Each structure stands twice: as C-alpha cells, then as structure tokens.
C-alpha cells in the first residue's frame, strides 16, 4: 500500500479541506469605473481543488479574485471590464483535458493565468502546447520550471531549484554541516534529489536522503539520535503534516524546512507544529512587508474578503496583477494573439517592489524568502 492511500493522510486532507473552505466567498464587487458599452475581456484560471492541493489553490484563487475586483474598480483593462473565469479540476488528467476543452469553447478568452497547484500547472503546460499553443499561459504556480519549458508558458515565480538553493545556503551560513532531505512522494524524489544533492555538495554540506512508498509517519519513526536535526522537506502540506506527526514522537528536537507548496497557515491551524519548528520558503514578499504591492494586497483583501493575508493568496494576487500589467501595455485591441505576443516579449516589470525580470531560461524571478511556525504555534515572518 502506498503512502498516497494511507488512512493517516486521508484524515489530514479531510481536516485541511474543512479549514480552507470555512470562509465564505463574497459576491463580486461591481466595477465602478469601466467604460460603458465596452466588451468584457475574459481571462481564465484553472485550479486543482483535490484534497491534496486545495490548501494551495483555495488561497491562490482568493488572491487572484482580490486583484481582479480591485482592477475592475479602477477601470479594468483599457476601460473594459475583466471577467475572471475559474475552472476547478480534481487533478486528474481527465479533468484537466476537460478544462482545456472548456477553454477551446471560449473563443473570447485572451489568456490563462495563475494555474494551481504545481502538478496541475505542469500537466497544463503539455496539454496547452499540444492543443492550444496560441493561448498564453501566464504566471502559473509552477515549481519545476526548467523541466516544462514552453514557448507559450510564462512563469514569474522562483523555481523549486531556487528555493532549495536558498534554503541550503541559509543553513550553510548558520554553520550547519549536515542536513536531511525528506521527499513527500516518489515523484518529488525523482524530480529533485539530484538537484538538492548537487547544491549541497557545492556548499560542502553532507546530506542524507529519506524516501518511502509507505507512510511518512513510519519513515519519521526511523530517525535516530545520529540522524540530522535539520530536515529539508520536499512535498505538500498533507505529507509534511503526516511526517511531523511522526517526528514529534521522538525525544530529539528537529527543525523542518519546507518549500513554498506548504501552507504554514494550514499547518498552524492543524496544530502540527506543536513540538517541531517549521520553516517554509516563499516566492513572494512577507505578507507584512511595506512594499507597495503588498500594502495594496492587504488593503484590497481586507475590503473584499474575510480572509487573513497568506503568502499563497499574495502569490495569486501577484499573478493577476502581472497579467493585468502586460495586457494593459498592449497597443491596440486585447486579443488572444496580441496577448501572446505581449507576454512573449518578456519585458521586465516592477509591480510595486516585486520585480519580474525574465532570465532567458523561462524563469521570471529568483525572489525567495522564508517564514516560520515556531514550536509554540506562532507564525513568524
């Protein structure tokens, strides 16, 4: 029996679904400054609402909706209202193909943006390349950017490799000489083990890898007093919660460092960090930052949604703002063709302190920082 089917994980994801869906979605704000009679501009977003990804996708959609409502309240794009169409999928290939078929039927859709989570976004890159190469796929929540290069996909967030490098460099500066690497699934183990071990080698860090096809709780129980105290976790929130439940049963104090796919707010609500401090990289600024784009995000979120600020909803907000800024720059009608041409130029954009500056490898930003849930449950960052 694989870990993906064990009862411990099912209990965790059910609890997470209850946490993330507790807040009611508000009604759309009516745009107040759009030009009367102008044809709406349709933008689409595909999000994976399966139990393993809902903690990422739910927050991401909240941030995107916040941005588009704010944008419509200030005149939309070229004076036209933006219609934000959200297509929910269950993460399966069948549901993603159905979502692409929906896009095919929406001839007025000019762009697909903010696809989430990572697994769905990765599959969409391949499906769109084959079936809709004329549609720009913008600012997806895409972690392994280098592995899914595409002429019509335009990432803006730091890749998983950048996050791993940032985390390991932070540890080397602290004087730590040995780390553990825990992989939540076989897919992550296959995709990232070589990268992680190579980065550690260049920084003279010894690294011990942990991976199982069984229960991560049981894997945690195999740690001994000689195992590394600092563990890098490559996986999602349900997997990290399950692993931490096994870690907390041990006497040795350990520290878990996760990537941006982990939702620290969900972990905090679930109480999974009661005995083990957890740190997560994030590819957007801290939600309490004084940067203009973060202040605008907090203000709009506070007006429109009864939701706390989170890194993932800020990422959704940034993805929509970037999409708007590029579409707004188009000289002439905003169409699917003109949108693809505008994004393909990959011009640098500074959005209130968050800079997107494409590097020629498909990546838009190398920005990475970290936040933390302390052992007593406080969110720091």
Protein backbone atom coordinates (compact mmCIF):
# COMPACT_ATOMS: atom_id res chain seq x y z
CA UNK A 1 0.00 0.00 0.00
CA UNK A 2 1.44 3.36 -0.97
CA UNK A 3 1.51 6.42 1.23
CA UNK A 4 -0.94 8.24 -1.03
CA UNK A 5 -3.64 5.83 0.13
CA UNK A 6 -2.92 5.51 3.85
CA UNK A 7 -5.61 6.43 6.36
CA UNK A 8 -3.44 8.97 8.20
CA UNK A 9 -3.12 11.13 5.12
CA UNK A 10 -6.84 10.88 4.34
CA UNK A 11 -7.65 12.20 7.82
CA UNK A 12 -5.24 15.10 7.33
CA UNK A 13 -6.57 16.18 3.95
CA UNK A 14 -10.18 15.98 5.17
CA UNK A 15 -9.27 18.22 8.08
CA UNK A 16 -7.46 20.64 5.76
CA UNK A 17 -10.45 20.80 3.42
CA UNK A 18 -12.62 21.79 6.36
CA UNK A 19 -10.18 24.50 7.40
CA UNK A 20 -9.69 26.04 3.99
CA UNK A 21 -13.35 26.07 2.99
CA UNK A 22 -14.62 27.55 6.24
CA UNK A 23 -14.62 31.13 4.92
CA UNK A 24 -17.48 32.17 2.66
CA UNK A 25 -16.65 33.56 -0.77
CA UNK A 26 -18.01 37.12 -1.09
CA UNK A 27 -20.05 38.34 -4.03
CA UNK A 28 -18.19 40.00 -6.86
CA UNK A 29 -17.71 43.72 -6.41
CA UNK A 30 -19.33 45.69 -9.23
CA UNK A 31 -16.76 47.62 -11.27
CA UNK A 32 -17.28 51.33 -10.82
CA UNK A 33 -15.01 52.96 -13.41
CA UNK A 34 -15.18 50.82 -16.54
CA UNK A 35 -16.25 52.31 -19.83
CA UNK A 36 -19.96 51.80 -20.56
CA UNK A 37 -20.64 49.56 -23.55
CA UNK A 38 -17.10 48.15 -23.78
CA UNK A 39 -16.76 44.42 -24.44
CA UNK A 40 -15.52 42.49 -21.39
CA UNK A 41 -12.07 40.90 -21.51
CA UNK A 42 -12.17 37.24 -20.49
CA UNK A 43 -9.28 35.71 -18.52
CA UNK A 44 -9.33 32.13 -17.25
CA UNK A 45 -7.78 30.34 -14.29
CA UNK A 46 -7.61 26.56 -13.80
CA UNK A 47 -7.17 25.35 -10.22
CA UNK A 48 -6.80 21.90 -8.69
CA UNK A 49 -9.29 21.59 -5.83
CA UNK A 50 -8.44 17.98 -4.95
CA UNK A 51 -7.82 17.31 -1.25
CA UNK A 52 -4.07 17.23 -1.75
CA UNK A 53 -3.93 20.65 -3.46
CA UNK A 54 -6.84 22.64 -2.06
CA UNK A 55 -4.70 24.38 0.58
CA UNK A 56 -2.64 25.90 -2.25
CA UNK A 57 -5.38 26.52 -4.81
CA UNK A 58 -8.01 28.00 -2.49
CA UNK A 59 -5.69 30.76 -1.25
CA UNK A 60 -4.33 31.35 -4.76
CA UNK A 61 -7.83 31.94 -6.14
CA UNK A 62 -8.72 34.30 -3.29
CA UNK A 63 -5.67 36.43 -4.13
CA UNK A 64 -6.47 36.46 -7.84
CA UNK A 65 -10.11 37.41 -7.26
CA UNK A 66 -8.98 40.19 -4.96
CA UNK A 67 -6.74 41.60 -7.69
CA UNK A 68 -9.33 41.46 -10.47
CA UNK A 69 -12.02 43.08 -8.35
CA UNK A 70 -9.57 45.83 -7.44
CA UNK A 71 -8.56 46.23 -11.11
CA UNK A 72 -12.18 46.42 -12.29
CA UNK A 73 -12.89 49.03 -9.62
CA UNK A 74 -10.13 51.16 -11.14
CA UNK A 75 -11.19 50.86 -14.78
CA UNK A 76 -10.38 47.32 -15.82
CA UNK A 77 -8.09 46.89 -18.84
CA UNK A 78 -8.21 49.69 -21.40
CA UNK A 79 -11.55 50.69 -19.88
CA UNK A 80 -13.08 47.23 -20.30
CA UNK A 81 -14.35 45.00 -17.51
CA UNK A 82 -12.30 41.89 -16.84
CA UNK A 83 -14.31 38.67 -16.50
CA UNK A 84 -12.39 36.20 -14.33
CA UNK A 85 -13.46 32.63 -15.10
CA UNK A 86 -12.30 29.98 -12.61
CA UNK A 87 -12.32 26.35 -13.78
CA UNK A 88 -11.98 23.83 -10.96
CA UNK A 89 -10.43 20.40 -11.58
CA UNK A 90 -9.73 17.38 -9.41
CA UNK A 91 -6.12 16.98 -10.53
CA UNK A 92 -6.77 14.02 -12.84
CA UNK A 93 -5.67 14.05 -16.47
CA UNK A 94 -9.29 13.61 -17.50
CA UNK A 95 -10.46 16.70 -15.61
CA UNK A 96 -7.57 18.76 -16.98
CA UNK A 97 -8.38 17.73 -20.54
CA UNK A 98 -12.00 18.70 -19.90
CA UNK A 99 -10.82 22.10 -18.63
CA UNK A 100 -8.79 22.64 -21.80
CA UNK A 101 -11.85 21.68 -23.85
CA UNK A 102 -13.76 24.37 -21.94
CA UNK A 103 -11.10 26.89 -22.91
CA UNK A 104 -11.39 25.83 -26.55
CA UNK A 105 -15.09 26.67 -26.44
CA UNK A 106 -14.36 30.15 -25.03
CA UNK A 107 -13.07 31.88 -28.14
CA UNK A 108 -13.04 35.27 -26.38
CA UNK A 109 -10.62 34.07 -23.68
CA UNK A 110 -7.38 36.02 -24.16
CA UNK A 111 -5.16 34.37 -21.53
CA UNK A 112 -4.92 31.56 -18.98
CA UNK A 113 -3.20 32.72 -15.81
CA UNK A 114 -2.44 31.54 -12.27
CA UNK A 115 -2.87 27.79 -12.80
CA UNK A 116 -2.51 25.99 -9.46
CA UNK A 117 -1.20 23.78 -7.91
CA UNK A 118 2.11 22.65 -9.30
CA UNK A 119 1.08 19.21 -10.61
CA UNK A 120 -1.92 20.61 -12.48
CA UNK A 121 0.13 23.51 -13.85
CA UNK A 122 2.80 21.12 -15.11
CA UNK A 123 0.26 18.95 -16.92
CA UNK A 124 -1.40 22.02 -18.41
CA UNK A 125 1.89 23.13 -19.97
CA UNK A 126 1.97 19.93 -22.01
CA UNK A 127 -1.76 19.90 -22.83
CA UNK A 128 -1.76 23.54 -23.96
CA UNK A 129 1.39 23.10 -26.04
CA UNK A 130 -0.39 20.32 -27.93
CA UNK A 131 -3.97 21.65 -28.12
CA UNK A 132 -3.85 25.46 -27.66
CA UNK A 133 -0.36 26.80 -28.48
CA UNK A 134 -1.90 30.19 -29.32
CA UNK A 135 -3.06 30.79 -25.71
CA UNK A 136 -0.64 32.47 -23.31
CA UNK A 137 -0.25 30.52 -20.04
CA UNK A 138 0.82 33.18 -17.58
CA UNK A 139 2.19 33.13 -14.02
CA UNK A 140 1.29 29.52 -13.19
CA UNK A 141 2.13 28.05 -9.76
CA UNK A 142 4.87 26.06 -11.45
CA UNK A 143 7.71 24.67 -9.32
CA UNK A 144 9.92 22.71 -11.74
CA UNK A 145 10.23 25.48 -14.34
CA UNK A 146 13.24 24.04 -16.17
CA UNK A 147 11.58 20.66 -16.77
CA UNK A 148 8.49 22.02 -18.54
CA UNK A 149 9.84 24.73 -20.82
CA UNK A 150 7.30 26.08 -23.30
CA UNK A 151 7.12 28.96 -25.75
CA UNK A 152 3.62 29.89 -24.57
CA UNK A 153 4.09 29.47 -20.78
CA UNK A 154 5.44 32.47 -18.88
CA UNK A 155 6.41 31.75 -15.25
CA UNK A 156 7.09 34.60 -12.87
CA UNK A 157 7.89 32.85 -9.57
CA UNK A 158 11.17 31.33 -8.40
CA UNK A 159 11.56 27.65 -9.23
CA UNK A 160 11.82 24.78 -6.74
CA UNK A 161 15.54 24.65 -7.52
CA UNK A 162 15.92 28.31 -6.49
CA UNK A 163 14.03 27.60 -3.27
CA UNK A 164 16.19 24.60 -2.44
CA UNK A 165 19.34 26.59 -3.11
CA UNK A 166 18.12 29.42 -0.86
CA UNK A 167 17.25 27.04 1.98
CA UNK A 168 20.56 25.18 1.82
CA UNK A 169 22.60 28.37 1.59
CA UNK A 170 20.81 29.70 4.66
CA UNK A 171 21.77 26.54 6.54
CA UNK A 172 25.41 26.70 5.44
CA UNK A 173 25.67 30.30 6.68
CA UNK A 174 24.38 29.12 10.07
CA UNK A 175 27.29 26.71 10.35
CA UNK A 176 25.24 23.52 9.88
CA UNK A 177 27.35 20.79 8.27
CA UNK A 178 24.74 18.04 7.75
CA UNK A 179 21.09 18.10 6.65
CA UNK A 180 18.44 15.51 5.86
CA UNK A 181 16.25 15.61 2.77
CA UNK A 182 12.75 14.12 3.08
CA UNK A 183 10.66 13.58 -0.05
CA UNK A 184 6.88 13.52 0.27
CA UNK A 185 6.28 11.40 -2.82
CA UNK A 186 8.19 9.29 -5.31
CA UNK A 187 7.63 11.99 -7.96
CA UNK A 188 9.39 14.61 -5.86
CA UNK A 189 12.20 12.19 -5.02
CA UNK A 190 12.76 11.51 -8.72
CA UNK A 191 12.48 15.16 -9.78
CA UNK A 192 14.58 16.90 -7.13
CA UNK A 193 17.01 14.52 -5.42
CA UNK A 194 19.90 15.11 -7.85
CA UNK A 195 19.44 18.90 -7.76
CA UNK A 196 19.31 19.00 -3.98
CA UNK A 197 22.36 16.78 -3.51
CA UNK A 198 24.36 18.76 -6.08
CA UNK A 199 23.57 22.07 -4.39
CA UNK A 200 24.53 20.64 -1.00
CA UNK A 201 27.80 19.35 -2.43
CA UNK A 202 28.79 22.77 -3.76
CA UNK A 203 28.24 24.19 -0.26
CA UNK A 204 30.19 21.40 1.47
CA UNK A 205 27.09 20.14 3.24
CA UNK A 206 26.63 16.43 3.93
CA UNK A 207 23.11 15.31 3.01
CA UNK A 208 21.09 12.22 3.94
CA UNK A 209 18.04 11.39 1.80
CA UNK A 210 14.81 9.87 3.17
CA UNK A 211 12.08 8.48 0.97
CA UNK A 212 9.37 5.86 1.25
CA UNK A 213 6.47 4.45 -0.73
CA UNK A 214 4.74 3.80 2.59
CA UNK A 215 3.60 6.02 5.45
CA UNK A 216 5.67 9.13 6.17
CA UNK A 217 4.75 8.79 9.84
CA UNK A 218 6.59 5.47 9.91
CA UNK A 219 9.51 6.99 8.00
CA UNK A 220 9.86 9.67 10.68
CA UNK A 221 9.97 6.97 13.32
CA UNK A 222 13.11 5.51 11.73
CA UNK A 223 15.13 8.62 12.59
CA UNK A 224 17.78 8.03 15.25
CA UNK A 225 19.87 10.22 17.54
CA UNK A 226 22.55 10.30 14.84
CA UNK A 227 20.10 11.50 12.14
CA UNK A 228 20.32 15.16 11.05
CA UNK A 229 18.47 17.59 13.29
CA UNK A 230 17.60 19.85 10.33
CA UNK A 231 15.42 18.27 7.64
CA UNK A 232 14.54 19.75 4.25
CA UNK A 233 11.05 18.62 3.26
CA UNK A 234 10.14 18.45 -0.44
CA UNK A 235 6.39 17.84 -0.70
CA UNK A 236 2.96 19.27 0.05
CA UNK A 237 1.11 20.21 3.24
CA UNK A 238 -0.62 16.85 3.90
CA UNK A 239 2.67 15.00 3.53
CA UNK A 240 4.54 17.40 5.80
CA UNK A 241 1.84 17.22 8.48
CA UNK A 242 1.95 13.43 8.42
CA UNK A 243 5.75 13.36 8.68
CA UNK A 244 5.75 15.91 11.51
CA UNK A 245 3.34 13.73 13.49
CA UNK A 246 5.99 11.03 13.49
CA UNK A 247 8.83 13.45 14.26
CA UNK A 248 7.09 14.90 17.34
CA UNK A 249 7.00 11.46 18.98
CA UNK A 250 10.78 11.47 19.20
CA UNK A 251 12.83 12.96 22.01
CA UNK A 252 15.32 14.75 19.74
CA UNK A 253 14.44 18.32 18.72
CA UNK A 254 14.31 18.68 14.95
CA UNK A 255 13.63 21.50 12.52
CA UNK A 256 11.65 21.06 9.29
CA UNK A 257 12.28 23.32 6.32
CA UNK A 258 9.69 23.10 3.52
CA UNK A 259 9.22 24.60 0.08
CA UNK A 260 6.54 27.11 -0.99
CA UNK A 261 3.92 24.43 -1.75
CA UNK A 262 3.46 24.01 2.02
CA UNK A 263 0.78 26.21 3.58
CA UNK A 264 2.09 27.25 7.00
CA UNK A 265 -1.26 28.76 7.94
CA UNK A 266 -2.97 25.37 7.48
CA UNK A 267 -0.23 23.71 9.50
CA UNK A 268 -0.67 26.32 12.22
CA UNK A 269 -4.44 25.75 12.33
CA UNK A 270 -3.98 22.00 12.47
CA UNK A 271 -1.55 22.34 15.39
CA UNK A 272 1.01 20.17 13.58
CA UNK A 273 3.96 22.27 14.75
CA UNK A 274 3.38 21.95 18.50
CA UNK A 275 6.75 20.33 19.10
CA UNK A 276 8.67 20.85 15.86
CA UNK A 277 9.55 24.30 14.48
CA UNK A 278 8.73 24.56 10.77
CA UNK A 279 10.21 26.93 8.22
CA UNK A 280 8.94 27.39 4.65
CA UNK A 281 10.48 29.16 1.70
CA UNK A 282 8.15 31.53 -0.14
CA UNK A 283 8.47 33.13 -3.55
CA UNK A 284 6.68 36.38 -2.74
CA UNK A 285 7.48 39.01 -0.11
CA UNK A 286 6.35 38.63 3.51
CA UNK A 287 2.65 39.46 3.87
CA UNK A 288 3.56 42.11 6.48
CA UNK A 289 6.04 43.79 4.11
CA UNK A 290 5.88 47.54 3.48
CA UNK A 291 6.35 47.10 -0.29
CA UNK A 292 3.65 48.98 -2.23
CA UNK A 293 2.28 45.82 -3.88
CA UNK A 294 1.95 44.06 -0.52
CA UNK A 295 0.25 47.07 1.07
CA UNK A 296 -2.18 47.20 -1.87
CA UNK A 297 -2.86 43.47 -1.49
CA UNK A 298 -3.57 43.73 2.24
CA UNK A 299 -5.85 46.72 1.73
CA UNK A 300 -7.87 45.10 -1.07
CA UNK A 301 -8.08 41.74 0.69
CA UNK A 302 -9.34 43.45 3.83
CA UNK A 303 -12.06 45.29 1.89
CA UNK A 304 -13.26 42.40 -0.26
CA UNK A 305 -12.71 39.15 1.63
CA UNK A 306 -12.94 37.93 5.18
CA UNK A 307 -9.57 36.16 4.85
CA UNK A 308 -6.19 36.61 6.57
CA UNK A 309 -3.20 37.53 4.38
CA UNK A 310 -1.15 34.47 3.33
CA UNK A 311 1.86 34.01 1.03
CA UNK A 312 -0.20 31.85 -1.34
CA UNK A 313 -3.03 34.37 -1.74
CA UNK A 314 -0.41 37.09 -2.22
CA UNK A 315 1.07 34.93 -4.99
CA UNK A 316 -2.38 34.69 -6.60
CA UNK A 317 -2.75 38.46 -6.33
CA UNK A 318 0.66 38.99 -7.93
CA UNK A 319 -0.15 36.58 -10.77
CA UNK A 320 -3.29 38.57 -11.64
CA UNK A 321 -1.53 41.93 -11.29
CA UNK A 322 1.24 40.79 -13.65
CA UNK A 323 -1.33 39.55 -16.15
CA UNK A 324 -3.11 42.91 -15.97
CA UNK A 325 0.06 44.97 -16.37
CA UNK A 326 1.12 43.16 -19.54
CA UNK A 327 -2.36 43.22 -21.08
CA UNK A 328 -2.71 46.90 -20.23
CA UNK A 329 0.52 47.62 -22.14
CA UNK A 330 -0.88 46.28 -25.44
CA UNK A 331 -1.15 48.99 -28.12
CA UNK A 332 -4.44 48.13 -29.78
CA UNK A 333 -7.19 45.60 -29.13
CA UNK A 334 -6.58 42.96 -26.47
CA UNK A 335 -6.97 39.64 -28.25
CA UNK A 336 -5.55 36.15 -27.77
CA UNK A 337 -2.95 36.86 -30.45
CA UNK A 338 -1.90 40.28 -29.17
CA UNK A 339 -1.74 38.91 -25.61
CA UNK A 340 0.59 36.04 -26.60
CA UNK A 341 2.82 38.49 -28.45
CA UNK A 342 2.94 40.85 -25.46
CA UNK A 343 3.88 38.13 -22.97
CA UNK A 344 6.41 36.63 -25.40
CA UNK A 345 8.38 39.89 -25.31
CA UNK A 346 9.09 39.13 -21.63
CA UNK A 347 9.71 42.77 -20.82
CA UNK A 348 10.88 43.47 -17.23
CA UNK A 349 8.10 44.75 -14.97
CA UNK A 350 8.30 46.21 -11.48
CA UNK A 351 4.99 45.75 -9.66
CA UNK A 352 5.27 47.92 -6.59
CA UNK A 353 8.58 46.41 -5.49
CA UNK A 354 8.13 42.87 -6.82
CA UNK A 355 10.21 42.70 -9.98
CA UNK A 356 9.71 40.23 -12.81
CA UNK A 357 12.84 40.14 -14.96
CA UNK A 358 12.91 37.08 -17.25
CA UNK A 359 16.31 35.39 -17.47
CA UNK A 360 16.09 33.66 -20.84
CA UNK A 361 15.53 30.23 -19.25
CA UNK A 362 11.80 30.71 -18.83
CA UNK A 363 12.07 31.94 -15.24
CA UNK A 364 10.70 35.34 -14.28
CA UNK A 365 12.04 35.89 -10.77
CA UNK A 366 14.59 34.42 -8.38
CA UNK A 367 12.98 36.03 -5.31
CA UNK A 368 12.90 33.68 -2.31
CA UNK A 369 12.46 34.38 1.39
CA UNK A 370 11.37 32.33 4.43
CA UNK A 371 8.75 32.34 7.17
CA UNK A 372 8.34 30.10 10.20
CA UNK A 373 5.86 28.46 12.57
CA UNK A 374 7.53 28.20 15.96
CA UNK A 375 7.15 25.21 18.29
CA UNK A 376 4.50 27.13 20.27
CA UNK A 377 2.41 27.71 17.12
CA UNK A 378 3.26 31.36 16.39
CA UNK A 379 3.67 32.40 12.73
CA UNK A 380 6.88 34.39 12.33
CA UNK A 381 7.89 36.25 9.19
